[in-house]
Protein backbone atom coordinates (compact mmCIF):
# COMPACT_ATOMS: atom_id res chain seq x y z
CA MET A 1 -0.03 -0.03 -0.03
CA HIS A 2 1.29 3.49 -0.86
CA ASP A 3 2.28 5.85 1.92
CA ILE A 4 -0.61 8.33 2.24
CA GLU A 5 1.61 11.40 2.52
CA GLN A 6 3.46 10.48 -0.62
CA VAL A 7 0.32 10.01 -2.77
CA ILE A 8 -1.68 12.87 -1.31
CA PRO A 9 0.55 15.63 0.12
CA ALA A 10 -0.76 16.90 3.39
CA THR A 11 -1.61 20.35 2.10
CA LYS A 12 -4.65 22.39 3.07
CA PRO A 13 -7.71 21.20 1.16
CA ASP A 14 -8.86 23.35 -1.67
CA ALA A 15 -12.12 24.10 0.18
CA GLY A 16 -14.91 26.14 -1.25
CA ARG A 17 -13.98 25.61 -4.85
CA PRO A 18 -16.98 26.31 -7.02
CA GLN A 19 -18.39 23.65 -9.34
CA VAL A 20 -18.33 24.47 -13.12
CA GLY A 21 -21.17 26.74 -13.89
CA THR A 22 -22.18 27.20 -10.18
CA ALA A 23 -21.45 30.34 -8.09
CA LYS A 24 -21.50 28.60 -4.74
CA LYS A 25 -22.48 25.45 -2.94
CA LEU A 26 -26.15 24.78 -2.49
CA LYS A 27 -27.33 25.56 1.07
CA LYS A 28 -28.40 22.74 3.33
CA LYS A 29 -31.84 24.15 3.92
CA ASP A 30 -32.58 24.49 0.26
CA TYR A 31 -31.11 21.14 -0.42
CA GLU A 32 -33.21 19.36 2.22
CA ARG A 33 -36.40 21.10 0.89
CA GLU A 34 -35.80 20.00 -2.72
CA LEU A 35 -34.67 16.55 -1.75
CA HIS A 36 -37.90 16.00 0.24
CA THR A 37 -39.89 17.00 -2.78
CA LEU A 38 -38.09 14.52 -4.96
CA GLN A 39 -38.24 11.66 -2.38
CA VAL A 40 -42.08 12.00 -2.28
CA LYS A 41 -41.89 11.46 -6.10
CA LEU A 42 -39.64 8.41 -5.59
CA CYS A 43 -42.32 7.00 -3.35
CA HIS A 44 -44.86 7.56 -6.17
CA LEU A 45 -42.41 5.73 -8.52
CA GLN A 46 -42.16 2.91 -6.08
CA ASP A 47 -46.02 2.49 -6.05
CA TRP A 48 -46.03 2.49 -9.86
CA VAL A 49 -43.21 -0.18 -10.02
CA LYS A 50 -45.02 -2.40 -7.64
CA ARG A 51 -48.38 -2.14 -9.36
CA THR A 52 -47.16 -2.45 -12.91
CA GLY A 53 -44.43 -5.13 -12.32
CA ALA A 54 -41.88 -3.01 -13.93
CA ARG A 55 -38.13 -4.06 -13.86
CA ILE A 56 -35.59 -1.30 -13.59
CA ILE A 57 -31.75 -1.47 -13.37
CA ILE A 58 -29.81 1.70 -12.33
CA VAL A 59 -26.04 1.57 -12.62
CA PHE A 60 -23.79 3.99 -10.75
CA GLU A 61 -20.23 4.44 -11.92
CA GLY A 62 -17.61 7.18 -11.47
CA ARG A 63 -14.30 7.97 -9.97
CA ASP A 64 -13.38 7.14 -6.45
CA ALA A 65 -14.86 9.84 -4.03
CA ALA A 66 -17.28 11.12 -6.74
CA GLY A 67 -20.29 10.73 -4.42
CA LYS A 68 -21.99 7.53 -5.57
CA GLY A 69 -22.70 6.25 -2.13
CA GLY A 70 -24.26 9.43 -1.02
CA THR A 71 -26.46 9.66 -4.06
CA ILE A 72 -27.62 6.13 -3.75
CA LYS A 73 -28.52 6.82 -0.04
CA ALA A 74 -30.51 9.93 -1.05
CA ILE A 75 -32.51 7.80 -3.45
CA THR A 76 -33.14 4.92 -1.15
CA GLU A 77 -33.43 6.38 2.40
CA ARG A 78 -37.34 6.93 2.13
CA VAL A 79 -38.36 3.93 0.07
CA SER A 80 -38.64 0.21 0.70
CA PRO A 81 -35.44 -1.89 0.43
CA ARG A 82 -37.73 -4.60 -0.97
CA VAL A 83 -38.47 -2.52 -4.00
CA PHE A 84 -35.22 -0.59 -4.26
CA ARG A 85 -32.42 -3.12 -3.84
CA VAL A 86 -28.80 -1.97 -3.72
CA VAL A 87 -26.11 -4.24 -4.99
CA ALA A 88 -22.45 -3.57 -4.17
CA LEU A 89 -20.51 -6.70 -4.95
CA PRO A 90 -17.09 -7.46 -3.31
CA ALA A 91 -14.09 -8.59 -5.32
CA PRO A 92 -14.87 -11.80 -7.28
CA THR A 93 -13.97 -15.15 -5.87
CA ASP A 94 -11.69 -17.58 -7.77
CA ARG A 95 -14.89 -19.40 -8.94
CA GLN A 96 -16.45 -16.24 -10.08
CA LYS A 97 -13.30 -15.18 -11.96
CA SER A 98 -13.74 -18.37 -14.07
CA GLN A 99 -17.38 -17.50 -14.97
CA MET A 100 -18.60 -15.39 -17.92
CA PHE A 101 -17.76 -11.89 -16.72
CA ILE A 102 -21.38 -10.51 -16.33
CA GLN A 103 -22.71 -13.73 -14.78
CA ARG A 104 -22.38 -12.79 -11.07
CA TYR A 105 -24.27 -9.58 -11.91
CA ILE A 106 -27.15 -11.22 -13.74
CA GLU A 107 -28.20 -13.18 -10.69
CA HIS A 108 -29.05 -9.83 -8.88
CA PHE A 109 -31.18 -8.50 -11.82
CA PRO A 110 -34.68 -7.34 -10.85
CA ALA A 111 -37.85 -9.50 -10.84
CA ALA A 112 -41.24 -7.78 -11.58
CA GLY A 113 -41.83 -4.87 -9.27
CA GLU A 114 -38.19 -4.21 -8.41
CA ILE A 115 -35.56 -1.63 -9.01
CA VAL A 116 -31.96 -2.73 -8.51
CA ILE A 117 -29.25 -0.14 -8.01
CA PHE A 118 -25.66 -1.27 -8.79
CA ASP A 119 -23.15 0.60 -6.73
CA ARG A 120 -20.41 -0.17 -9.40
CA SER A 121 -21.22 -2.88 -11.97
CA TRP A 122 -19.95 -4.98 -14.83
CA TYR A 123 -18.20 -1.76 -15.86
CA ASN A 124 -15.34 -2.58 -13.47
CA ARG A 125 -13.79 -4.33 -16.36
CA ALA A 126 -13.74 -1.13 -18.36
CA GLY A 127 -12.24 0.79 -15.42
CA VAL A 128 -10.40 -0.54 -12.46
CA GLU A 129 -9.61 -3.94 -14.06
CA ARG A 130 -8.34 -2.24 -17.24
CA VAL A 131 -6.11 0.38 -15.44
CA MET A 132 -4.82 -2.04 -12.72
CA GLY A 133 -4.20 -4.92 -15.04
CA PHE A 134 -6.64 -7.28 -13.50
CA CYS A 135 -7.77 -8.39 -16.90
CA SER A 136 -6.01 -9.01 -20.17
CA GLU A 137 -6.03 -6.83 -23.20
CA ALA A 138 -8.19 -9.47 -25.03
CA GLU A 139 -10.68 -9.68 -22.17
CA TYR A 140 -11.01 -5.86 -22.06
CA ARG A 141 -11.57 -5.57 -25.82
CA ARG A 142 -14.04 -8.36 -25.79
CA PHE A 143 -15.99 -6.62 -23.01
CA LEU A 144 -16.22 -3.32 -24.90
CA ASP A 145 -17.51 -5.22 -28.00
CA LEU A 146 -20.02 -7.39 -26.20
CA CYS A 147 -21.39 -5.01 -23.55
CA PRO A 148 -23.48 -2.94 -25.89
CA ARG A 149 -25.06 -6.12 -27.28
CA ILE A 150 -25.76 -7.68 -23.84
CA GLU A 151 -27.37 -4.39 -22.72
CA ARG A 152 -29.52 -4.33 -25.82
CA PHE A 153 -30.75 -7.86 -24.88
CA ILE A 154 -31.45 -6.68 -21.35
CA VAL A 155 -33.51 -3.63 -22.73
CA ASP A 156 -35.24 -5.82 -25.41
CA GLY A 157 -36.20 -8.20 -22.65
CA GLY A 158 -38.32 -5.49 -20.89
CA THR A 159 -35.98 -4.20 -18.28
CA GLN A 160 -35.20 -0.50 -18.28
CA LEU A 161 -31.47 0.16 -17.92
CA ILE A 162 -30.33 3.53 -16.66
CA LYS A 163 -26.60 4.38 -16.32
CA PHE A 164 -25.18 7.32 -14.37
CA TRP A 165 -21.50 8.40 -14.40
CA LEU A 166 -20.53 10.81 -11.60
CA GLU A 167 -17.77 13.09 -12.63
CA VAL A 168 -15.73 14.86 -9.84
CA GLY A 169 -12.87 17.22 -10.53
CA LYS A 170 -9.22 16.77 -9.65
CA GLN A 171 -9.17 19.34 -6.87
CA GLU A 172 -12.53 18.23 -5.31
CA GLN A 173 -11.42 14.57 -5.28
CA LYS A 174 -8.21 15.57 -3.55
CA ARG A 175 -10.15 17.45 -0.91
CA ARG A 176 -12.38 14.50 -0.20
CA PHE A 177 -9.44 12.17 -0.01
CA LEU A 178 -7.79 14.46 2.58
CA ALA A 179 -10.99 14.65 4.43
CA ARG A 180 -11.07 10.82 4.74
CA ILE A 181 -7.46 10.75 5.91
CA GLU A 182 -8.26 13.24 8.73
CA ASP A 183 -11.76 12.12 9.77
CA PRO A 184 -11.95 8.84 11.78
CA LEU A 185 -15.46 8.46 10.72
CA ARG A 186 -14.41 8.45 7.12
CA GLN A 187 -11.07 6.69 7.18
CA TRP A 188 -12.74 3.27 6.45
CA LYS A 189 -13.62 4.64 3.05
CA LEU A 190 -9.97 5.17 2.02
CA SER A 191 -8.42 2.02 0.53
CA SER A 192 -5.20 1.24 -1.29
CA MET A 193 -7.24 1.08 -4.51
CA ASP A 194 -8.43 4.69 -3.87
CA LEU A 195 -4.86 5.78 -3.55
CA GLU A 196 -3.99 4.03 -6.84
CA SER A 197 -6.89 5.72 -8.62
CA TYR A 198 -5.75 9.12 -7.28
CA GLU A 199 -2.23 8.54 -8.49
CA ARG A 200 -3.46 7.20 -12.01
CA TRP A 201 -5.90 10.05 -12.62
CA TYR A 202 -5.14 10.29 -16.32
CA ALA A 203 -5.05 6.53 -16.89
CA PHE A 204 -8.49 6.26 -15.31
CA SER A 205 -9.57 9.34 -17.53
CA LYS A 206 -8.54 7.43 -20.78
CA ALA A 207 -10.31 4.24 -19.59
CA ARG A 208 -13.44 6.35 -18.86
CA ASP A 209 -13.30 7.98 -22.44
CA ALA A 210 -12.93 4.54 -24.16
CA MET A 211 -15.72 3.08 -22.10
CA LEU A 212 -18.12 5.98 -22.94
CA ALA A 213 -17.12 5.81 -26.62
CA ALA A 214 -17.96 2.08 -26.83
CA THR A 215 -20.98 1.85 -24.56
CA ASP A 216 -22.88 5.13 -24.75
CA THR A 217 -25.70 3.85 -26.99
CA ASP A 218 -29.23 4.73 -27.75
CA ASP A 219 -30.33 1.50 -26.14
CA ALA A 220 -28.51 2.30 -22.77
CA PRO A 221 -27.03 5.93 -22.85
CA TRP A 222 -24.81 7.26 -20.12
CA HIS A 223 -26.08 10.13 -18.17
CA ILE A 224 -23.10 12.24 -16.68
CA VAL A 225 -23.63 14.05 -13.46
CA ARG A 226 -21.17 16.74 -12.31
CA SER A 227 -20.55 15.97 -8.64
CA ASP A 228 -18.14 18.58 -7.22
CA ASP A 229 -21.18 19.89 -5.25
CA LYS A 230 -22.59 16.65 -3.76
CA ARG A 231 -25.95 18.28 -2.99
CA ARG A 232 -26.57 19.52 -6.46
CA ALA A 233 -25.40 16.28 -7.85
CA ARG A 234 -27.85 14.33 -5.85
CA LEU A 235 -30.75 16.55 -6.70
CA ASN A 236 -29.80 16.56 -10.41
CA CYS A 237 -29.42 12.81 -10.60
CA ILE A 238 -32.78 12.09 -8.88
CA THR A 239 -34.42 14.55 -11.16
CA GLN A 240 -33.10 12.90 -14.23
CA LEU A 241 -33.89 9.45 -12.96
CA LEU A 242 -37.57 10.42 -12.42
CA ARG A 243 -37.69 12.01 -15.98
CA LEU A 244 -36.32 8.77 -17.54
CA ILE A 245 -39.11 6.69 -16.15
CA SER A 246 -42.58 7.05 -17.48
CA TYR A 247 -44.33 6.56 -14.16
CA ARG A 248 -47.69 7.80 -13.02
CA GLU A 249 -48.70 8.69 -9.39
CA GLN A 250 -50.95 5.96 -8.08
CA LYS A 251 -54.18 6.55 -6.32
CA HIS A 252 -54.55 5.00 -2.75
CA ASP A 253 -57.82 4.02 -1.09
CA ALA A 254 -58.51 6.13 2.02
CA VAL A 255 -57.06 4.32 5.18
CA THR A 256 -58.49 4.69 8.76
CA LEU A 257 -56.96 3.01 11.84
CA PRO A 258 -59.28 0.32 13.19
CA LYS A 259 -60.15 0.11 16.97
CA ARG A 260 -57.90 -2.15 18.95
CA SER A 261 -59.62 -5.21 20.13
CA LYS A 262 -59.73 -5.74 23.90
CA GLU A 263 -60.11 -9.41 23.60
CA ASP A 264 -57.40 -11.32 25.35
CA ALA A 265 -56.22 -8.00 26.95
CA TYR A 266 -53.55 -8.38 29.61
CA ASP A 267 -50.58 -6.45 31.24
CA ASP A 268 -48.22 -6.27 28.20
CA THR A 269 -45.74 -3.68 29.59
CA LEU A 270 -42.75 -6.16 29.88
CA ARG A 271 -42.68 -5.74 33.61
CA ASN A 272 -39.47 -7.02 35.26
CA ARG A 273 -37.62 -7.43 31.88
CA ARG A 274 -34.13 -6.12 31.22
CA PHE A 275 -34.34 -2.64 29.63
CA VAL A 276 -31.45 -0.71 28.42
CA THR A 277 -30.27 2.01 30.85
CA GLU A 278 -31.76 5.41 29.74
CA ARG A 279 -28.69 7.56 29.75
CA TYR A 280 -30.12 10.15 27.32
């Protein structure tokens, strides 16, 4: 593993650097108000998916520290994990390495009434595996050739495939990595692979460009989200997601709480059981 101080010099973070086309960071109050509105719409989307039996795949890719995790959390924190399933696969086992490359992802594809969100996906082959030498040149070329065809089969089979690439700038990525080094609540996010990606910025840029050139198709286009401002990125991403799915708000029957039955009533206060000490 690289020495952190060698890879990311311990200089003062480039805080407050504005996003391209944005005068300043979005205020928390404004962000939370807009996010609430969008999360209500995501609940409407969830109802529609359940009632219609739709199948949707959402792929999130991007540089390390681009904000994929936070965006996925903003999408899923107010909806059911039974409908919105997040898949973040670990490194493949030896057995999985011997399988067809996309095989271990296919088993997580949605059934009717499900949305599956991939926090990184089969595009690992076009990114980290390519740059770090974890696959051969032939395997990489074959992936770029086959991927658009496989995705067309997915779409033709009735599953909507939505792909997001979160793009963070060099200085903002550096600031976020430095924050991870200094904050004990974030240090778990910093891996040796993150440091490699930081060091090989331009190699990853070339891999990104080749991937987009080969796989940005009419069947499954890439939607690129500027993510230097995490709050704006989350709102823009969710807004685009909702635009891409032709859902309708579902009507609900009026609900009233029934009266509790007193049949079999008893003292159910857990008297004499071990309660946690109330320190707060």
